[in-house]
C-alpha cells in the first residue's frame, strides 16, 4: 500500500507537533507492508510493519493500529537502531496518509 509516512519520534524522543506537521513536511512516500516473521533477538514470531522507499527501509516491530479515519491511520510499536553502544529499542508511532487522504489543515 502506498502511503506518506510521518514518524512521531526521532531516536525515541517525541517530536514537537510543529516539527511533525510543518506545512512543508509531507512525509516520505513509499510502500507499507505488514507481515509476520521470526525475530532472532526476541526468539519468537513477531508482526512487522515495513516501510520502503527505494533503498531506504524502516521497520516497526509489533505494530498496532491505534485509529483510522479518512485515509489516515496511526500505527504504534517499537523500532530498533544499531548504535556504537549496541542495539537500542524505542517506542515509535507512524502517522500514515494514503494517497487519497484529504490534506491536513495548516497548523495541524
N, C-alpha and C. Protein backbone atom coordinates (compact mmCIF):
# COMPACT_ATOMS: atom_id res chain seq x y z
N UNK A 1 0.85 -1.17 0.00
CA UNK A 1 0.00 0.00 0.00
C UNK A 1 0.89 1.23 0.00
N UNK A 2 0.63 2.17 -0.89
CA UNK A 2 1.40 3.41 -0.94
C UNK A 2 0.88 4.39 0.10
N UNK A 3 1.81 4.90 0.93
CA UNK A 3 1.45 5.86 1.97
C UNK A 3 2.52 6.93 2.10
N UNK A 4 2.12 8.06 2.65
CA UNK A 4 3.06 9.08 3.12
C UNK A 4 3.25 8.79 4.60
N UNK A 5 4.50 8.64 5.04
CA UNK A 5 4.79 8.26 6.42
C UNK A 5 5.40 9.44 7.17
N UNK A 6 4.83 9.72 8.34
CA UNK A 6 5.36 10.73 9.26
C UNK A 6 5.69 10.02 10.56
N UNK A 7 6.96 10.03 10.96
CA UNK A 7 7.36 9.42 12.23
C UNK A 7 7.11 10.42 13.35
N UNK A 8 6.60 9.92 14.47
CA UNK A 8 6.25 10.78 15.59
C UNK A 8 7.40 10.95 16.58
N UNK A 9 8.44 10.14 16.45
CA UNK A 9 9.61 10.22 17.34
C UNK A 9 10.88 10.12 16.51
N UNK A 10 11.95 10.70 17.04
CA UNK A 10 13.27 10.57 16.42
C UNK A 10 14.21 10.03 17.48
N UNK A 11 14.70 8.80 17.27
CA UNK A 11 15.58 8.12 18.23
C UNK A 11 14.95 8.03 19.61
N UNK A 12 13.63 7.85 19.65
CA UNK A 12 12.93 7.67 20.91
C UNK A 12 12.43 8.94 21.56
N UNK A 13 12.81 10.09 21.02
CA UNK A 13 12.39 11.37 21.59
C UNK A 13 11.20 11.89 20.78
N UNK A 14 10.11 12.18 21.49
CA UNK A 14 8.90 12.67 20.82
C UNK A 14 9.18 14.00 20.14
N UNK A 15 8.74 14.12 18.89
CA UNK A 15 8.90 15.37 18.15
C UNK A 15 7.77 16.32 18.51
N UNK A 16 8.06 17.61 18.45
CA UNK A 16 7.01 18.61 18.68
C UNK A 16 6.07 18.61 17.48
N UNK A 17 4.83 18.97 17.72
CA UNK A 17 3.84 18.98 16.64
C UNK A 17 4.27 19.90 15.49
N UNK A 18 4.95 20.98 15.80
CA UNK A 18 5.41 21.89 14.75
C UNK A 18 6.41 21.19 13.83
N UNK A 19 7.23 20.30 14.37
CA UNK A 19 8.19 19.56 13.56
C UNK A 19 7.49 18.52 12.69
N UNK A 20 6.51 17.85 13.25
CA UNK A 20 5.82 16.79 12.52
C UNK A 20 4.91 17.36 11.44
N UNK A 21 4.14 18.36 11.82
CA UNK A 21 3.09 18.87 10.93
C UNK A 21 3.46 20.17 10.25
N UNK A 22 4.74 20.39 10.02
CA UNK A 22 5.20 21.54 9.27
C UNK A 22 4.55 21.51 7.88
N UNK A 23 4.16 22.66 7.37
CA UNK A 23 3.44 22.66 6.09
C UNK A 23 4.30 22.15 4.94
N UNK A 24 5.61 22.11 5.11
CA UNK A 24 6.49 21.60 4.06
C UNK A 24 6.82 20.12 4.26
N UNK A 25 6.39 19.54 5.38
CA UNK A 25 6.66 18.13 5.66
C UNK A 25 5.46 17.30 5.22
N UNK A 26 5.58 16.68 4.06
CA UNK A 26 4.50 15.83 3.55
C UNK A 26 4.78 14.37 3.83
N UNK A 27 5.85 14.09 4.55
CA UNK A 27 6.21 12.70 4.85
C UNK A 27 6.92 12.07 3.66
N UNK A 28 7.42 10.90 3.89
CA UNK A 28 8.08 10.14 2.83
C UNK A 28 7.06 9.26 2.14
N UNK A 29 7.02 9.30 0.82
CA UNK A 29 6.11 8.46 0.07
C UNK A 29 6.80 7.13 -0.22
N UNK A 30 6.15 6.04 0.16
CA UNK A 30 6.73 4.72 -0.07
C UNK A 30 5.70 3.63 0.08
N UNK A 31 6.18 2.42 0.17
CA UNK A 31 5.32 1.24 0.23
C UNK A 31 5.31 0.69 1.65
N UNK A 32 4.11 0.48 2.20
CA UNK A 32 3.94 -0.07 3.54
C UNK A 32 3.39 -1.49 3.44
N UNK A 33 4.07 -2.42 4.11
CA UNK A 33 3.59 -3.80 4.17
C UNK A 33 3.60 -4.24 5.63
N UNK A 34 2.68 -5.13 5.97
CA UNK A 34 2.64 -5.71 7.32
C UNK A 34 2.68 -7.21 7.17
N UNK A 35 3.60 -7.84 7.90
CA UNK A 35 3.79 -9.29 7.78
C UNK A 35 4.19 -9.86 9.14
N UNK A 36 4.46 -11.16 9.13
CA UNK A 36 4.89 -11.87 10.34
C UNK A 36 6.22 -12.54 10.02
N UNK A 37 7.14 -12.53 10.99
CA UNK A 37 8.45 -13.12 10.76
C UNK A 37 9.03 -13.58 12.10
N UNK A 38 10.03 -14.45 12.03
CA UNK A 38 10.73 -14.89 13.23
C UNK A 38 11.81 -13.86 13.55
N UNK A 39 11.87 -13.44 14.81
CA UNK A 39 12.86 -12.47 15.25
C UNK A 39 13.91 -13.18 16.08
N UNK A 40 15.18 -13.05 15.66
CA UNK A 40 16.27 -13.74 16.35
C UNK A 40 16.52 -13.14 17.75
N UNK A 41 16.33 -11.83 17.89
CA UNK A 41 16.56 -11.20 19.18
C UNK A 41 15.50 -11.54 20.21
N UNK A 42 14.24 -11.62 19.76
CA UNK A 42 13.14 -11.91 20.69
C UNK A 42 12.85 -13.41 20.78
N UNK A 43 13.40 -14.20 19.86
CA UNK A 43 13.23 -15.65 19.84
C UNK A 43 11.76 -16.08 19.73
N UNK A 44 11.03 -15.38 18.86
CA UNK A 44 9.62 -15.71 18.66
C UNK A 44 9.12 -15.08 17.37
N UNK A 45 7.89 -15.42 16.99
CA UNK A 45 7.26 -14.77 15.85
C UNK A 45 6.85 -13.36 16.23
N UNK A 46 7.07 -12.41 15.34
CA UNK A 46 6.67 -11.02 15.58
C UNK A 46 5.95 -10.50 14.33
N UNK A 47 5.07 -9.54 14.55
CA UNK A 47 4.46 -8.82 13.44
C UNK A 47 5.38 -7.65 13.10
N UNK A 48 5.50 -7.36 11.81
CA UNK A 48 6.37 -6.29 11.34
C UNK A 48 5.63 -5.40 10.37
N UNK A 49 5.78 -4.11 10.52
CA UNK A 49 5.33 -3.15 9.52
C UNK A 49 6.60 -2.63 8.86
N UNK A 50 6.69 -2.79 7.55
CA UNK A 50 7.89 -2.34 6.82
C UNK A 50 7.51 -1.22 5.86
N UNK A 51 8.27 -0.15 5.93
CA UNK A 51 8.09 0.97 5.02
C UNK A 51 9.34 1.06 4.15
N UNK A 52 9.17 0.97 2.85
CA UNK A 52 10.32 1.05 1.94
C UNK A 52 10.11 2.17 0.93
N UNK A 53 11.21 2.84 0.66
CA UNK A 53 11.26 3.89 -0.36
C UNK A 53 12.63 3.78 -1.01
N UNK A 54 12.68 3.05 -2.10
CA UNK A 54 13.97 2.78 -2.74
C UNK A 54 14.82 1.92 -1.83
N UNK A 55 16.05 2.37 -1.55
CA UNK A 55 16.95 1.62 -0.67
C UNK A 55 16.66 1.89 0.81
N UNK A 56 15.87 2.92 1.09
CA UNK A 56 15.52 3.30 2.47
C UNK A 56 14.46 2.34 3.00
N UNK A 57 14.69 1.79 4.19
CA UNK A 57 13.71 0.90 4.81
C UNK A 57 13.66 1.13 6.31
N UNK A 58 12.44 1.20 6.84
CA UNK A 58 12.21 1.29 8.27
C UNK A 58 11.31 0.13 8.68
N UNK A 59 11.52 -0.39 9.88
CA UNK A 59 10.71 -1.50 10.39
C UNK A 59 10.13 -1.12 11.73
N UNK A 60 8.84 -1.35 11.87
CA UNK A 60 8.14 -1.14 13.14
C UNK A 60 7.76 -2.52 13.66
N UNK A 61 8.28 -2.89 14.82
CA UNK A 61 8.03 -4.19 15.41
C UNK A 61 6.73 -4.16 16.20
N UNK A 62 5.98 -5.24 16.14
CA UNK A 62 4.72 -5.41 16.85
C UNK A 62 3.77 -4.22 16.65
N UNK A 63 3.50 -3.86 15.38
CA UNK A 63 2.63 -2.71 15.12
C UNK A 63 1.20 -2.97 15.57
N UNK A 64 0.58 -1.92 16.10
CA UNK A 64 -0.85 -1.96 16.47
C UNK A 64 -1.52 -0.76 15.83
N UNK A 65 -2.70 -0.99 15.32
CA UNK A 65 -3.48 0.09 14.73
C UNK A 65 -4.18 0.85 15.85
N UNK A 66 -3.86 2.13 16.02
CA UNK A 66 -4.48 2.94 17.07
C UNK A 66 -5.80 3.54 16.61
N UNK A 67 -5.81 4.09 15.40
CA UNK A 67 -7.02 4.66 14.84
C UNK A 67 -6.90 4.74 13.32
N UNK A 68 -8.06 4.88 12.67
CA UNK A 68 -8.11 5.02 11.22
C UNK A 68 -9.29 5.94 10.89
N UNK A 69 -9.05 6.92 10.00
CA UNK A 69 -10.10 7.87 9.66
C UNK A 69 -9.73 8.60 8.38
N UNK A 70 -10.62 8.63 7.41
CA UNK A 70 -10.49 9.41 6.17
C UNK A 70 -9.14 9.25 5.48
N UNK A 71 -8.71 8.02 5.27
CA UNK A 71 -7.46 7.80 4.56
C UNK A 71 -6.21 7.99 5.39
N UNK A 72 -6.38 8.12 6.68
CA UNK A 72 -5.24 8.26 7.60
C UNK A 72 -5.34 7.19 8.68
N UNK A 73 -4.18 6.74 9.15
CA UNK A 73 -4.19 5.82 10.28
C UNK A 73 -2.88 5.93 11.03
N UNK A 74 -2.92 5.51 12.29
CA UNK A 74 -1.74 5.58 13.17
C UNK A 74 -1.36 4.17 13.61
N UNK A 75 -0.10 3.81 13.37
CA UNK A 75 0.46 2.55 13.86
C UNK A 75 1.42 2.87 14.99
N UNK A 76 1.44 2.02 16.01
CA UNK A 76 2.39 2.19 17.11
C UNK A 76 3.08 0.86 17.36
N UNK A 77 4.30 0.91 17.84
CA UNK A 77 5.11 -0.27 18.11
C UNK A 77 6.47 0.17 18.61
N UNK A 78 7.52 -0.56 18.21
CA UNK A 78 8.87 -0.13 18.57
C UNK A 78 9.81 -0.34 17.41
N UNK A 79 10.87 0.47 17.38
CA UNK A 79 11.90 0.38 16.36
C UNK A 79 13.22 0.03 17.00
N UNK A 80 14.12 -0.45 16.18
CA UNK A 80 15.49 -0.77 16.61
C UNK A 80 16.47 0.06 15.82
N UNK A 81 17.52 0.48 16.50
CA UNK A 81 18.63 1.18 15.86
C UNK A 81 19.93 0.57 16.36
N UNK A 82 20.86 0.43 15.47
CA UNK A 82 22.20 -0.03 15.84
C UNK A 82 23.04 1.21 16.12
N UNK A 83 23.60 1.29 17.33
CA UNK A 83 24.45 2.42 17.70
C UNK A 83 25.83 1.88 18.07
N UNK A 84 26.73 2.78 18.36
CA UNK A 84 28.08 2.36 18.76
C UNK A 84 28.07 1.62 20.09
N UNK A 85 27.03 1.84 20.91
CA UNK A 85 26.91 1.17 22.21
C UNK A 85 26.14 -0.15 22.13
N UNK A 86 25.60 -0.45 20.98
CA UNK A 86 24.81 -1.67 20.81
C UNK A 86 23.47 -1.36 20.17
N UNK A 87 22.54 -2.28 20.29
CA UNK A 87 21.22 -2.11 19.69
C UNK A 87 20.29 -1.42 20.69
N UNK A 88 19.59 -0.39 20.22
CA UNK A 88 18.67 0.37 21.04
C UNK A 88 17.26 0.15 20.49
N UNK A 89 16.32 -0.12 21.38
CA UNK A 89 14.91 -0.24 21.00
C UNK A 89 14.15 0.89 21.67
N UNK A 90 13.22 1.49 20.93
CA UNK A 90 12.44 2.58 21.49
C UNK A 90 11.04 2.61 20.88
N UNK A 91 10.11 3.20 21.63
CA UNK A 91 8.72 3.32 21.17
C UNK A 91 8.67 4.23 19.95
N UNK A 92 7.75 3.91 19.04
CA UNK A 92 7.59 4.71 17.84
C UNK A 92 6.14 4.64 17.38
N UNK A 93 5.65 5.72 16.82
CA UNK A 93 4.34 5.74 16.18
C UNK A 93 4.51 6.31 14.78
N UNK A 94 3.77 5.76 13.85
CA UNK A 94 3.79 6.22 12.46
C UNK A 94 2.41 6.74 12.10
N UNK A 95 2.35 7.97 11.61
CA UNK A 95 1.13 8.50 11.02
C UNK A 95 1.23 8.23 9.53
N UNK A 96 0.28 7.46 9.01
CA UNK A 96 0.29 7.08 7.60
C UNK A 96 -0.89 7.74 6.89
N UNK A 97 -0.60 8.37 5.75
CA UNK A 97 -1.63 9.02 4.96
C UNK A 97 -1.66 8.33 3.60
N UNK A 98 -2.82 7.80 3.24
CA UNK A 98 -2.94 7.18 1.92
C UNK A 98 -2.98 8.29 0.88
N UNK A 99 -2.80 7.92 -0.38
CA UNK A 99 -2.76 8.92 -1.44
C UNK A 99 -4.08 9.66 -1.61
N UNK A 100 -5.19 9.04 -1.21
CA UNK A 100 -6.48 9.70 -1.35
C UNK A 100 -6.93 10.41 -0.07
N UNK A 101 -6.04 10.53 0.92
CA UNK A 101 -6.38 11.22 2.17
C UNK A 101 -6.49 12.72 1.92
N UNK A 102 -7.48 13.38 2.54
CA UNK A 102 -7.57 14.84 2.38
C UNK A 102 -6.37 15.51 3.04
N UNK A 103 -6.01 16.67 2.54
CA UNK A 103 -4.89 17.42 3.11
C UNK A 103 -5.18 17.79 4.55
N UNK A 104 -4.14 17.77 5.38
CA UNK A 104 -4.28 18.21 6.76
C UNK A 104 -4.30 19.73 6.78
N UNK A 105 -5.10 20.34 7.64
CA UNK A 105 -5.16 21.80 7.67
C UNK A 105 -3.85 22.40 8.18
N UNK A 106 -3.57 23.66 7.80
CA UNK A 106 -2.38 24.36 8.27
C UNK A 106 -2.37 24.42 9.79
N UNK A 107 -1.22 24.32 10.39
CA UNK A 107 -1.08 24.41 11.83
C UNK A 107 -1.67 23.24 12.57
N UNK A 108 -1.78 22.14 11.91
CA UNK A 108 -2.40 20.95 12.49
C UNK A 108 -1.66 20.47 13.66
